[in-house]
Amino acid sequence: MRHTFLLFATLLALPVAAQQLPTDLEPLPEPPPPPPGVVDIDPALEPQVTITKRGEDQVEEYRVNGKLYMLKVTPPHGRSYYLIDEHGDGSMTRQESPDGGHGLRVPMWVIGTF
């Protein structure tokens, strides 16, 4: 039995050992520049995430332009949940995890602030 396994493992390893790496490889050319009119993403629009511990819970604070808009709370036992500022007034409402949430969740973005 042991010899059969050793023979089978050797037969499986032969194709890998027989492969030859090509020696005539050339480096890839540099990618072309982006087309005109494409603007880089403003780093101020990227959310800043701060991870802290409150008791045993791990809390992730999401901010854009310094304004807190979402908290993700991950307890040590159980599913994580989100506290979201839906109206921008500082009052947070609780929502379950996106994969097991209740009802229809429509994506929301801030289009402009005044």
N, C-alpha and C. Protein backbone atom coordinates (compact mmCIF):
# COMPACT_ATOMS: atom_id res chain seq x y z
N MET A 1 0.82 -1.18 0.00
CA MET A 1 0.00 0.00 0.00
C MET A 1 0.88 1.26 0.00
N ARG A 2 1.89 1.24 0.83
CA ARG A 2 2.78 2.39 0.94
C ARG A 2 3.51 2.63 -0.39
N HIS A 3 3.95 1.57 -1.04
CA HIS A 3 4.67 1.69 -2.30
C HIS A 3 3.74 2.21 -3.40
N THR A 4 2.49 1.79 -3.37
CA THR A 4 1.51 2.25 -4.36
C THR A 4 1.28 3.75 -4.22
N PHE A 5 1.14 4.21 -2.99
CA PHE A 5 0.95 5.63 -2.75
C PHE A 5 2.17 6.43 -3.21
N LEU A 6 3.36 5.94 -2.91
CA LEU A 6 4.59 6.62 -3.32
C LEU A 6 4.70 6.67 -4.85
N LEU A 7 4.35 5.58 -5.53
CA LEU A 7 4.38 5.55 -6.98
C LEU A 7 3.36 6.53 -7.56
N PHE A 8 2.16 6.57 -6.99
CA PHE A 8 1.11 7.48 -7.45
C PHE A 8 1.53 8.94 -7.25
N ALA A 9 2.12 9.27 -6.11
CA ALA A 9 2.57 10.63 -5.85
C ALA A 9 3.69 11.03 -6.81
N THR A 10 4.57 10.10 -7.14
CA THR A 10 5.65 10.38 -8.07
C THR A 10 5.10 10.62 -9.47
N LEU A 11 4.12 9.83 -9.87
CA LEU A 11 3.52 10.01 -11.20
C LEU A 11 2.79 11.35 -11.30
N LEU A 12 2.20 11.81 -10.22
CA LEU A 12 1.54 13.12 -10.23
C LEU A 12 2.55 14.26 -10.28
N ALA A 13 3.71 14.07 -9.71
CA ALA A 13 4.71 15.13 -9.67
C ALA A 13 5.53 15.23 -10.96
N LEU A 14 5.53 14.20 -11.80
CA LEU A 14 6.33 14.23 -13.02
C LEU A 14 5.92 15.35 -13.98
N PRO A 15 4.65 15.58 -14.27
CA PRO A 15 4.32 16.69 -15.18
C PRO A 15 4.77 18.04 -14.66
N VAL A 16 4.70 18.24 -13.36
CA VAL A 16 5.15 19.51 -12.79
C VAL A 16 6.66 19.66 -12.95
N ALA A 17 7.39 18.59 -12.73
CA ALA A 17 8.84 18.65 -12.85
C ALA A 17 9.27 18.79 -14.31
N ALA A 18 8.44 18.32 -15.25
CA ALA A 18 8.81 18.37 -16.67
C ALA A 18 8.57 19.74 -17.29
N GLN A 19 7.82 20.59 -16.64
CA GLN A 19 7.53 21.91 -17.21
C GLN A 19 8.79 22.75 -17.28
N GLN A 20 8.97 23.38 -18.39
CA GLN A 20 10.12 24.27 -18.58
C GLN A 20 9.61 25.71 -18.55
N LEU A 21 10.28 26.55 -17.82
CA LEU A 21 9.92 27.96 -17.80
C LEU A 21 10.48 28.63 -19.04
N PRO A 22 9.68 29.46 -19.71
CA PRO A 22 10.20 30.12 -20.91
C PRO A 22 11.30 31.11 -20.54
N THR A 23 12.32 31.15 -21.38
CA THR A 23 13.46 32.04 -21.11
C THR A 23 13.40 33.31 -21.94
N ASP A 24 12.49 33.40 -22.90
CA ASP A 24 12.41 34.57 -23.78
C ASP A 24 11.28 35.53 -23.36
N LEU A 25 11.08 35.72 -22.09
CA LEU A 25 10.03 36.62 -21.61
C LEU A 25 10.46 38.07 -21.76
N GLU A 26 9.49 38.92 -22.11
CA GLU A 26 9.74 40.35 -22.25
C GLU A 26 8.91 41.09 -21.21
N PRO A 27 9.40 42.22 -20.72
CA PRO A 27 8.60 42.97 -19.75
C PRO A 27 7.36 43.57 -20.42
N LEU A 28 6.32 43.74 -19.64
CA LEU A 28 5.09 44.32 -20.16
C LEU A 28 5.28 45.81 -20.42
N PRO A 29 4.64 46.33 -21.46
CA PRO A 29 4.76 47.77 -21.70
C PRO A 29 3.97 48.55 -20.66
N GLU A 30 4.32 49.82 -20.51
CA GLU A 30 3.61 50.67 -19.56
C GLU A 30 2.17 50.85 -20.03
N PRO A 31 1.21 50.93 -19.10
CA PRO A 31 -0.17 51.12 -19.52
C PRO A 31 -0.36 52.51 -20.14
N PRO A 32 -1.30 52.63 -21.07
CA PRO A 32 -1.50 53.94 -21.70
C PRO A 32 -2.11 54.92 -20.70
N PRO A 33 -1.94 56.21 -20.95
CA PRO A 33 -2.53 57.19 -20.05
C PRO A 33 -4.06 57.15 -20.15
N PRO A 34 -4.76 57.60 -19.09
CA PRO A 34 -6.23 57.59 -19.16
C PRO A 34 -6.72 58.55 -20.24
N PRO A 35 -7.89 58.29 -20.78
CA PRO A 35 -8.41 59.16 -21.83
C PRO A 35 -8.70 60.55 -21.27
N PRO A 36 -8.71 61.56 -22.14
CA PRO A 36 -8.97 62.92 -21.66
C PRO A 36 -10.37 63.02 -21.07
N GLY A 37 -10.49 63.80 -20.01
CA GLY A 37 -11.78 63.98 -19.35
C GLY A 37 -11.96 63.10 -18.13
N VAL A 38 -11.10 62.11 -17.96
CA VAL A 38 -11.20 61.26 -16.79
C VAL A 38 -10.50 61.96 -15.64
N VAL A 39 -11.20 62.11 -14.54
CA VAL A 39 -10.66 62.81 -13.39
C VAL A 39 -10.33 61.80 -12.30
N ASP A 40 -9.21 61.98 -11.65
CA ASP A 40 -8.87 61.11 -10.52
C ASP A 40 -9.87 61.31 -9.41
N ILE A 41 -10.07 60.27 -8.61
CA ILE A 41 -11.00 60.34 -7.49
C ILE A 41 -10.41 61.24 -6.41
N ASP A 42 -11.23 62.13 -5.92
CA ASP A 42 -10.81 63.05 -4.88
C ASP A 42 -10.59 62.27 -3.58
N PRO A 43 -9.39 62.33 -2.98
CA PRO A 43 -9.15 61.58 -1.75
C PRO A 43 -10.06 62.03 -0.61
N ALA A 44 -10.61 63.25 -0.68
CA ALA A 44 -11.50 63.71 0.38
C ALA A 44 -12.82 62.95 0.36
N LEU A 45 -13.17 62.34 -0.79
CA LEU A 45 -14.42 61.59 -0.89
C LEU A 45 -14.27 60.15 -0.41
N GLU A 46 -13.04 59.70 -0.23
CA GLU A 46 -12.82 58.37 0.30
C GLU A 46 -13.16 58.35 1.78
N PRO A 47 -13.89 57.34 2.25
CA PRO A 47 -14.22 57.31 3.68
C PRO A 47 -12.99 57.03 4.53
N GLN A 48 -12.91 57.71 5.67
CA GLN A 48 -11.88 57.43 6.65
C GLN A 48 -12.50 56.46 7.66
N VAL A 49 -11.82 55.36 7.90
CA VAL A 49 -12.33 54.33 8.80
C VAL A 49 -11.44 54.29 10.04
N THR A 50 -12.08 54.43 11.21
CA THR A 50 -11.37 54.34 12.48
C THR A 50 -11.91 53.14 13.24
N ILE A 51 -11.03 52.22 13.62
CA ILE A 51 -11.44 51.01 14.33
C ILE A 51 -11.04 51.16 15.79
N THR A 52 -12.02 51.03 16.69
CA THR A 52 -11.77 51.12 18.13
C THR A 52 -12.45 49.96 18.83
N LYS A 53 -12.11 49.76 20.09
CA LYS A 53 -12.76 48.76 20.94
C LYS A 53 -13.55 49.50 22.01
N ARG A 54 -14.81 49.15 22.17
CA ARG A 54 -15.65 49.67 23.24
C ARG A 54 -16.13 48.47 24.04
N GLY A 55 -15.51 48.28 25.18
CA GLY A 55 -15.79 47.06 25.94
C GLY A 55 -15.25 45.88 25.16
N GLU A 56 -16.11 44.92 24.88
CA GLU A 56 -15.70 43.78 24.07
C GLU A 56 -16.05 43.96 22.60
N ASP A 57 -16.83 44.99 22.26
CA ASP A 57 -17.25 45.21 20.89
C ASP A 57 -16.18 45.94 20.08
N GLN A 58 -16.07 45.58 18.82
CA GLN A 58 -15.20 46.31 17.90
C GLN A 58 -16.09 47.27 17.11
N VAL A 59 -15.73 48.55 17.12
CA VAL A 59 -16.53 49.58 16.47
C VAL A 59 -15.71 50.21 15.35
N GLU A 60 -16.28 50.23 14.15
CA GLU A 60 -15.66 50.87 13.00
C GLU A 60 -16.46 52.13 12.68
N GLU A 61 -15.79 53.28 12.72
CA GLU A 61 -16.44 54.56 12.43
C GLU A 61 -16.08 54.98 11.01
N TYR A 62 -17.09 55.26 10.21
CA TYR A 62 -16.89 55.68 8.82
C TYR A 62 -17.22 57.16 8.71
N ARG A 63 -16.27 57.95 8.21
CA ARG A 63 -16.45 59.40 8.07
C ARG A 63 -16.07 59.83 6.66
N VAL A 64 -16.81 60.83 6.15
CA VAL A 64 -16.48 61.49 4.89
C VAL A 64 -16.45 62.97 5.19
N ASN A 65 -15.36 63.62 4.82
CA ASN A 65 -15.14 65.04 5.11
C ASN A 65 -15.27 65.32 6.61
N GLY A 66 -14.85 64.38 7.43
CA GLY A 66 -14.88 64.56 8.88
C GLY A 66 -16.23 64.32 9.52
N LYS A 67 -17.27 64.00 8.72
CA LYS A 67 -18.61 63.81 9.27
C LYS A 67 -18.90 62.32 9.40
N LEU A 68 -19.30 61.91 10.60
CA LEU A 68 -19.62 60.51 10.88
C LEU A 68 -20.96 60.17 10.22
N TYR A 69 -20.96 59.13 9.37
CA TYR A 69 -22.20 58.74 8.73
C TYR A 69 -22.59 57.29 8.99
N MET A 70 -21.66 56.46 9.51
CA MET A 70 -22.00 55.07 9.75
C MET A 70 -21.08 54.47 10.80
N LEU A 71 -21.63 53.61 11.63
CA LEU A 71 -20.88 52.81 12.59
C LEU A 71 -21.17 51.34 12.31
N LYS A 72 -20.14 50.53 12.34
CA LYS A 72 -20.32 49.08 12.26
C LYS A 72 -19.86 48.51 13.60
N VAL A 73 -20.78 47.85 14.29
CA VAL A 73 -20.48 47.29 15.60
C VAL A 73 -20.42 45.78 15.46
N THR A 74 -19.27 45.21 15.86
CA THR A 74 -19.08 43.77 15.78
C THR A 74 -18.90 43.24 17.20
N PRO A 75 -19.94 42.59 17.77
CA PRO A 75 -19.79 42.01 19.10
C PRO A 75 -18.94 40.74 19.02
N PRO A 76 -18.35 40.32 20.16
CA PRO A 76 -17.52 39.12 20.12
C PRO A 76 -18.31 37.87 19.76
N HIS A 77 -19.59 37.85 20.10
CA HIS A 77 -20.45 36.70 19.79
C HIS A 77 -21.68 37.24 19.09
N GLY A 78 -21.98 36.75 17.92
CA GLY A 78 -23.15 37.21 17.20
C GLY A 78 -22.76 37.95 15.93
N ARG A 79 -23.80 38.46 15.25
CA ARG A 79 -23.59 39.13 13.97
C ARG A 79 -23.35 40.61 14.18
N SER A 80 -22.62 41.20 13.26
CA SER A 80 -22.38 42.63 13.34
C SER A 80 -23.63 43.38 12.88
N TYR A 81 -23.77 44.62 13.34
CA TYR A 81 -24.87 45.46 12.92
C TYR A 81 -24.34 46.86 12.65
N TYR A 82 -25.14 47.63 11.94
CA TYR A 82 -24.74 48.96 11.50
C TYR A 82 -25.64 50.01 12.13
N LEU A 83 -25.05 51.15 12.49
CA LEU A 83 -25.80 52.33 12.90
C LEU A 83 -25.55 53.37 11.82
N ILE A 84 -26.62 53.79 11.14
CA ILE A 84 -26.47 54.65 9.97
C ILE A 84 -27.22 55.95 10.19
N ASP A 85 -26.56 57.05 9.85
CA ASP A 85 -27.18 58.38 9.88
C ASP A 85 -27.86 58.59 8.53
N GLU A 86 -29.13 58.22 8.42
CA GLU A 86 -29.82 58.24 7.14
C GLU A 86 -30.18 59.64 6.67
N HIS A 87 -30.42 60.56 7.60
CA HIS A 87 -30.89 61.89 7.23
C HIS A 87 -29.83 62.97 7.40
N GLY A 88 -28.66 62.63 7.90
CA GLY A 88 -27.60 63.60 8.07
C GLY A 88 -27.77 64.52 9.25
N ASP A 89 -28.67 64.14 10.19
CA ASP A 89 -28.92 64.99 11.35
C ASP A 89 -28.23 64.50 12.61
N GLY A 90 -27.43 63.44 12.52
CA GLY A 90 -26.69 62.95 13.67
C GLY A 90 -27.40 61.85 14.44
N SER A 91 -28.66 61.54 14.10
CA SER A 91 -29.36 60.46 14.79
C SER A 91 -29.14 59.17 14.01
N MET A 92 -28.65 58.17 14.71
CA MET A 92 -28.30 56.90 14.08
C MET A 92 -29.47 55.92 14.22
N THR A 93 -29.74 55.17 13.15
CA THR A 93 -30.74 54.11 13.19
C THR A 93 -30.04 52.79 12.96
N ARG A 94 -30.54 51.76 13.63
CA ARG A 94 -29.89 50.45 13.56
C ARG A 94 -30.40 49.67 12.37
N GLN A 95 -29.45 49.04 11.66
CA GLN A 95 -29.77 48.12 10.58
C GLN A 95 -28.94 46.86 10.78
N GLU A 96 -29.53 45.74 10.42
CA GLU A 96 -28.81 44.48 10.54
C GLU A 96 -27.78 44.39 9.42
N SER A 97 -27.01 43.33 9.44
CA SER A 97 -25.98 43.13 8.42
C SER A 97 -26.61 43.16 7.04
N PRO A 98 -25.88 43.67 6.05
CA PRO A 98 -26.44 43.76 4.70
C PRO A 98 -26.85 42.41 4.12
N ASP A 99 -26.17 41.33 4.51
CA ASP A 99 -26.52 40.03 3.95
C ASP A 99 -27.79 39.45 4.56
N GLY A 100 -28.24 39.95 5.70
CA GLY A 100 -29.45 39.43 6.32
C GLY A 100 -30.38 40.53 6.76
N GLY A 101 -30.35 41.66 6.07
CA GLY A 101 -31.17 42.80 6.46
C GLY A 101 -32.65 42.56 6.21
N HIS A 102 -33.48 43.44 6.75
CA HIS A 102 -34.92 43.33 6.59
C HIS A 102 -35.38 44.31 5.54
N GLY A 103 -36.21 43.87 4.61
CA GLY A 103 -36.78 44.76 3.62
C GLY A 103 -35.80 45.15 2.53
N LEU A 104 -36.23 46.08 1.71
CA LEU A 104 -35.44 46.56 0.59
C LEU A 104 -34.53 47.68 1.03
N ARG A 105 -33.24 47.57 0.76
CA ARG A 105 -32.28 48.62 1.09
C ARG A 105 -31.82 49.28 -0.20
N VAL A 106 -32.21 50.52 -0.39
CA VAL A 106 -31.86 51.25 -1.60
C VAL A 106 -30.52 51.94 -1.36
N PRO A 107 -29.56 51.83 -2.29
CA PRO A 107 -28.29 52.53 -2.12
C PRO A 107 -28.53 54.04 -2.05
N MET A 108 -27.80 54.70 -1.14
CA MET A 108 -27.94 56.14 -0.97
C MET A 108 -26.56 56.79 -1.03
N TRP A 109 -26.44 57.88 -1.78
CA TRP A 109 -25.20 58.62 -1.88
C TRP A 109 -25.48 60.08 -1.61
N VAL A 110 -24.49 60.79 -1.11
CA VAL A 110 -24.60 62.22 -0.93
C VAL A 110 -24.25 62.87 -2.26
N ILE A 111 -25.20 63.55 -2.88
CA ILE A 111 -24.97 64.17 -4.18
C ILE A 111 -24.40 65.56 -4.01
N GLY A 112 -24.90 66.28 -3.05
CA GLY A 112 -24.39 67.63 -2.81
C GLY A 112 -24.77 68.08 -1.42
N THR A 113 -23.94 68.91 -0.83
CA THR A 113 -24.25 69.49 0.48
C THR A 113 -24.23 70.99 0.36
N PHE A 114 -25.07 71.65 1.13
CA PHE A 114 -25.17 73.12 1.07
C PHE A 114 -24.86 73.73 2.41
